PDB file of all heavy atoms in Angstrom:
ATOM      1  N   GLY A   1     -18.328  17.452  14.190  1.00  0.00           N
ATOM      2  CA  GLY A   1     -16.888  17.642  14.224  1.00  0.00           C
ATOM      3  C   GLY A   1     -16.232  17.578  12.862  1.00  0.00           C
ATOM      4  O   GLY A   1     -16.794  17.033  11.908  1.00  0.00           O
ATOM      5  N   PHE A   2     -15.050  18.159  12.796  1.00  0.00           N
ATOM      6  CA  PHE A   2     -14.223  18.163  11.593  1.00  0.00           C
ATOM      7  C   PHE A   2     -12.801  17.879  12.029  1.00  0.00           C
ATOM      8  O   PHE A   2     -12.373  18.333  13.090  1.00  0.00           O
ATOM      9  CB  PHE A   2     -14.288  19.527  10.896  1.00  0.00           C
ATOM     10  CG  PHE A   2     -15.689  19.988  10.633  1.00  0.00           C
ATOM     11  CD1 PHE A   2     -16.331  20.842  11.511  1.00  0.00           C
ATOM     12  CD2 PHE A   2     -16.368  19.537   9.522  1.00  0.00           C
ATOM     13  CE1 PHE A   2     -17.623  21.262  11.286  1.00  0.00           C
ATOM     14  CE2 PHE A   2     -17.664  19.951   9.279  1.00  0.00           C
ATOM     15  CZ  PHE A   2     -18.299  20.808  10.161  1.00  0.00           C
ATOM     16  N   GLY A   3     -12.073  17.143  11.220  1.00  0.00           N
ATOM     17  CA  GLY A   3     -10.705  16.825  11.592  1.00  0.00           C
ATOM     18  C   GLY A   3      -9.801  16.718  10.383  1.00  0.00           C
ATOM     19  O   GLY A   3     -10.258  16.581   9.253  1.00  0.00           O
ATOM     20  N   ALA A   4      -8.510  16.768  10.636  1.00  0.00           N
ATOM     21  CA  ALA A   4      -7.496  16.612   9.598  1.00  0.00           C
ATOM     22  C   ALA A   4      -6.333  15.839  10.184  1.00  0.00           C
ATOM     23  O   ALA A   4      -6.100  15.873  11.388  1.00  0.00           O
ATOM     24  CB  ALA A   4      -7.030  17.967   9.097  1.00  0.00           C
ATOM     25  N   GLY A   5      -5.633  15.124   9.339  1.00  0.00           N
ATOM     26  CA  GLY A   5      -4.501  14.344   9.813  1.00  0.00           C
ATOM     27  C   GLY A   5      -3.781  13.682   8.664  1.00  0.00           C
ATOM     28  O   GLY A   5      -3.774  14.186   7.541  1.00  0.00           O
ATOM     29  N   GLY A   6      -3.199  12.536   8.957  1.00  0.00           N
ATOM     30  CA  GLY A   6      -2.436  11.799   7.965  1.00  0.00           C
ATOM     31  C   GLY A   6      -2.942  10.388   7.819  1.00  0.00           C
ATOM     32  O   GLY A   6      -3.598   9.847   8.700  1.00  0.00           O
ATOM     33  N   SER A   7      -2.639   9.802   6.692  1.00  0.00           N
ATOM     34  CA  SER A   7      -3.046   8.436   6.379  1.00  0.00           C
ATOM     35  C   SER A   7      -1.800   7.626   6.048  1.00  0.00           C
ATOM     36  O   SER A   7      -0.963   8.060   5.251  1.00  0.00           O
ATOM     37  CB  SER A   7      -3.996   8.458   5.181  1.00  0.00           C
ATOM     38  OG  SER A   7      -4.231   7.163   4.714  1.00  0.00           O
ATOM     39  N   PHE A   8      -1.674   6.471   6.661  1.00  0.00           N
ATOM     40  CA  PHE A   8      -0.522   5.607   6.428  1.00  0.00           C
ATOM     41  C   PHE A   8      -1.017   4.205   6.113  1.00  0.00           C
ATOM     42  O   PHE A   8      -1.827   3.661   6.860  1.00  0.00           O
ATOM     43  CB  PHE A   8       0.381   5.568   7.668  1.00  0.00           C
ATOM     44  CG  PHE A   8       0.764   6.939   8.137  1.00  0.00           C
ATOM     45  CD1 PHE A   8       0.031   7.601   9.107  1.00  0.00           C
ATOM     46  CD2 PHE A   8       1.849   7.591   7.583  1.00  0.00           C
ATOM     47  CE1 PHE A   8       0.358   8.873   9.520  1.00  0.00           C
ATOM     48  CE2 PHE A   8       2.192   8.866   7.985  1.00  0.00           C
ATOM     49  CZ  PHE A   8       1.449   9.509   8.961  1.00  0.00           C
ATOM     50  N   MET A   9      -0.566   3.632   5.012  1.00  0.00           N
ATOM     51  CA  MET A   9      -1.013   2.293   4.623  1.00  0.00           C
ATOM     52  C   MET A   9       0.186   1.353   4.553  1.00  0.00           C
ATOM     53  O   MET A   9       1.294   1.770   4.223  1.00  0.00           O
ATOM     54  CB  MET A   9      -1.720   2.327   3.272  1.00  0.00           C
ATOM     55  CG  MET A   9      -2.968   3.197   3.287  1.00  0.00           C
ATOM     56  SD  MET A   9      -3.793   3.238   1.702  1.00  0.00           S
ATOM     57  CE  MET A   9      -4.931   1.899   1.904  1.00  0.00           C
ATOM     58  N   THR A  10      -0.054   0.079   4.834  1.00  0.00           N
ATOM     59  CA  THR A  10       1.000  -0.918   4.747  1.00  0.00           C
ATOM     60  C   THR A  10       1.222  -1.317   3.290  1.00  0.00           C
ATOM     61  O   THR A  10       0.354  -1.137   2.445  1.00  0.00           O
ATOM     62  CB  THR A  10       0.636  -2.168   5.571  1.00  0.00           C
ATOM     63  OG1 THR A  10      -0.598  -2.703   5.079  1.00  0.00           O
ATOM     64  CG2 THR A  10       0.502  -1.831   7.034  1.00  0.00           C
ATOM     65  N   SER A  11       2.383  -1.883   3.006  1.00  0.00           N
ATOM     66  CA  SER A  11       2.710  -2.351   1.659  1.00  0.00           C
ATOM     67  C   SER A  11       2.392  -3.839   1.539  1.00  0.00           C
ATOM     68  O   SER A  11       2.421  -4.567   2.523  1.00  0.00           O
ATOM     69  CB  SER A  11       4.187  -2.124   1.357  1.00  0.00           C
ATOM     70  OG  SER A  11       4.481  -0.756   1.370  1.00  0.00           O
ATOM     71  N   GLU A  12       2.106  -4.261   0.322  1.00  0.00           N
ATOM     72  CA  GLU A  12       1.819  -5.658   0.025  1.00  0.00           C
ATOM     73  C   GLU A  12       2.690  -6.098  -1.154  1.00  0.00           C
ATOM     74  O   GLU A  12       3.109  -5.283  -1.968  1.00  0.00           O
ATOM     75  CB  GLU A  12       0.340  -5.847  -0.348  1.00  0.00           C
ATOM     76  CG  GLU A  12      -0.638  -5.447   0.728  1.00  0.00           C
ATOM     77  CD  GLU A  12      -0.632  -6.394   1.916  1.00  0.00           C
ATOM     78  OE1 GLU A  12      -0.351  -7.588   1.734  1.00  0.00           O
ATOM     79  OE2 GLU A  12      -0.904  -5.922   3.036  1.00  0.00           O
ATOM     80  N   THR A  13       2.916  -7.394  -1.250  1.00  0.00           N
ATOM     81  CA  THR A  13       3.663  -7.939  -2.378  1.00  0.00           C
ATOM     82  C   THR A  13       2.689  -8.418  -3.449  1.00  0.00           C
ATOM     83  O   THR A  13       1.745  -9.137  -3.153  1.00  0.00           O
ATOM     84  CB  THR A  13       4.555  -9.112  -1.932  1.00  0.00           C
ATOM     85  OG1 THR A  13       5.474  -8.634  -0.949  1.00  0.00           O
ATOM     86  CG2 THR A  13       5.322  -9.701  -3.097  1.00  0.00           C
ATOM     87  N   VAL A  14       2.917  -7.965  -4.692  1.00  0.00           N
ATOM     88  CA  VAL A  14       2.140  -8.404  -5.845  1.00  0.00           C
ATOM     89  C   VAL A  14       2.999  -9.421  -6.585  1.00  0.00           C
ATOM     90  O   VAL A  14       4.149  -9.132  -6.917  1.00  0.00           O
ATOM     91  CB  VAL A  14       1.807  -7.218  -6.776  1.00  0.00           C
ATOM     92  CG1 VAL A  14       1.059  -7.682  -8.003  1.00  0.00           C
ATOM     93  CG2 VAL A  14       1.035  -6.153  -6.019  1.00  0.00           C
ATOM     94  N   SER A  15       2.439 -10.607  -6.840  1.00  0.00           N
ATOM     95  CA  SER A  15       3.201 -11.673  -7.508  1.00  0.00           C
ATOM     96  C   SER A  15       2.455 -12.200  -8.716  1.00  0.00           C
ATOM     97  O   SER A  15       1.227 -12.293  -8.705  1.00  0.00           O
ATOM     98  CB  SER A  15       3.435 -12.843  -6.543  1.00  0.00           C
ATOM     99  OG  SER A  15       4.160 -12.429  -5.419  1.00  0.00           O
ATOM    100  N   ASN A  16       3.211 -12.531  -9.739  1.00  0.00           N
ATOM    101  CA  ASN A  16       2.690 -13.275 -10.884  1.00  0.00           C
ATOM    102  C   ASN A  16       3.870 -14.043 -11.482  1.00  0.00           C
ATOM    103  O   ASN A  16       5.006 -13.909 -11.005  1.00  0.00           O
ATOM    104  CB  ASN A  16       1.981 -12.349 -11.880  1.00  0.00           C
ATOM    105  CG  ASN A  16       2.896 -11.404 -12.621  1.00  0.00           C
ATOM    106  OD1 ASN A  16       4.091 -11.651 -12.760  1.00  0.00           O
ATOM    107  ND2 ASN A  16       2.338 -10.316 -13.111  1.00  0.00           N
ATOM    108  N   PRO A  17       3.664 -14.869 -12.518  1.00  0.00           N
ATOM    109  CA  PRO A  17       4.783 -15.664 -13.065  1.00  0.00           C
ATOM    110  C   PRO A  17       5.970 -14.831 -13.559  1.00  0.00           C
ATOM    111  O   PRO A  17       7.096 -15.302 -13.584  1.00  0.00           O
ATOM    112  CB  PRO A  17       4.142 -16.431 -14.223  1.00  0.00           C
ATOM    113  CG  PRO A  17       2.693 -16.531 -13.860  1.00  0.00           C
ATOM    114  CD  PRO A  17       2.384 -15.253 -13.123  1.00  0.00           C
ATOM    115  N   VAL A  18       5.738 -13.567 -13.913  1.00  0.00           N
ATOM    116  CA  VAL A  18       6.815 -12.708 -14.420  1.00  0.00           C
ATOM    117  C   VAL A  18       7.731 -12.238 -13.299  1.00  0.00           C
ATOM    118  O   VAL A  18       8.933 -12.090 -13.484  1.00  0.00           O
ATOM    119  CB  VAL A  18       6.221 -11.498 -15.180  1.00  0.00           C
ATOM    120  CG1 VAL A  18       7.300 -10.516 -15.607  1.00  0.00           C
ATOM    121  CG2 VAL A  18       5.425 -11.968 -16.375  1.00  0.00           C
ATOM    122  N   GLY A  19       7.160 -11.981 -12.114  1.00  0.00           N
ATOM    123  CA  GLY A  19       7.976 -11.482 -11.008  1.00  0.00           C
ATOM    124  C   GLY A  19       7.138 -10.954  -9.851  1.00  0.00           C
ATOM    125  O   GLY A  19       5.924 -11.138  -9.810  1.00  0.00           O
ATOM    126  N   ASN A  20       7.830 -10.288  -8.938  1.00  0.00           N
ATOM    127  CA  ASN A  20       7.200  -9.718  -7.744  1.00  0.00           C
ATOM    128  C   ASN A  20       7.467  -8.220  -7.693  1.00  0.00           C
ATOM    129  O   ASN A  20       8.491  -7.746  -8.158  1.00  0.00           O
ATOM    130  CB  ASN A  20       7.769 -10.347  -6.466  1.00  0.00           C
ATOM    131  CG  ASN A  20       7.548 -11.827  -6.404  1.00  0.00           C
ATOM    132  OD1 ASN A  20       6.558 -12.341  -6.902  1.00  0.00           O
ATOM    133  ND2 ASN A  20       8.488 -12.536  -5.785  1.00  0.00           N
ATOM    134  N   ALA A  21       6.529  -7.509  -7.054  1.00  0.00           N
ATOM    135  CA  ALA A  21       6.704  -6.075  -6.825  1.00  0.00           C
ATOM    136  C   ALA A  21       6.041  -5.733  -5.494  1.00  0.00           C
ATOM    137  O   ALA A  21       5.136  -6.429  -5.035  1.00  0.00           O
ATOM    138  CB  ALA A  21       6.085  -5.259  -7.955  1.00  0.00           C
ATOM    139  N   THR A  22       6.499  -4.660  -4.894  1.00  0.00           N
ATOM    140  CA  THR A  22       5.903  -4.173  -3.658  1.00  0.00           C
ATOM    141  C   THR A  22       4.946  -3.042  -4.020  1.00  0.00           C
ATOM    142  O   THR A  22       5.337  -2.077  -4.671  1.00  0.00           O
ATOM    143  CB  THR A  22       6.982  -3.656  -2.692  1.00  0.00           C
ATOM    144  OG1 THR A  22       7.891  -4.723  -2.417  1.00  0.00           O
ATOM    145  CG2 THR A  22       6.371  -3.178  -1.394  1.00  0.00           C
ATOM    146  N   ALA A  23       3.687  -3.185  -3.596  1.00  0.00           N
ATOM    147  CA  ALA A  23       2.662  -2.180  -3.880  1.00  0.00           C
ATOM    148  C   ALA A  23       2.246  -1.524  -2.573  1.00  0.00           C
ATOM    149  O   ALA A  23       2.165  -2.173  -1.534  1.00  0.00           O
ATOM    150  CB  ALA A  23       1.456  -2.832  -4.546  1.00  0.00           C
ATOM    151  N   GLY A  24       1.990  -0.227  -2.622  1.00  0.00           N
ATOM    152  CA  GLY A  24       1.564   0.499  -1.430  1.00  0.00           C
ATOM    153  C   GLY A  24       1.057   1.875  -1.783  1.00  0.00           C
ATOM    154  O   GLY A  24       0.778   2.177  -2.943  1.00  0.00           O
TER     155      GLY A  24
END
């Protein structure tokens, strides 16, 4: 078989002493 579609990933929070960011 062969298929095609979409990919959806959740976001995560990246933290360090400088600050936070949302990665996805």
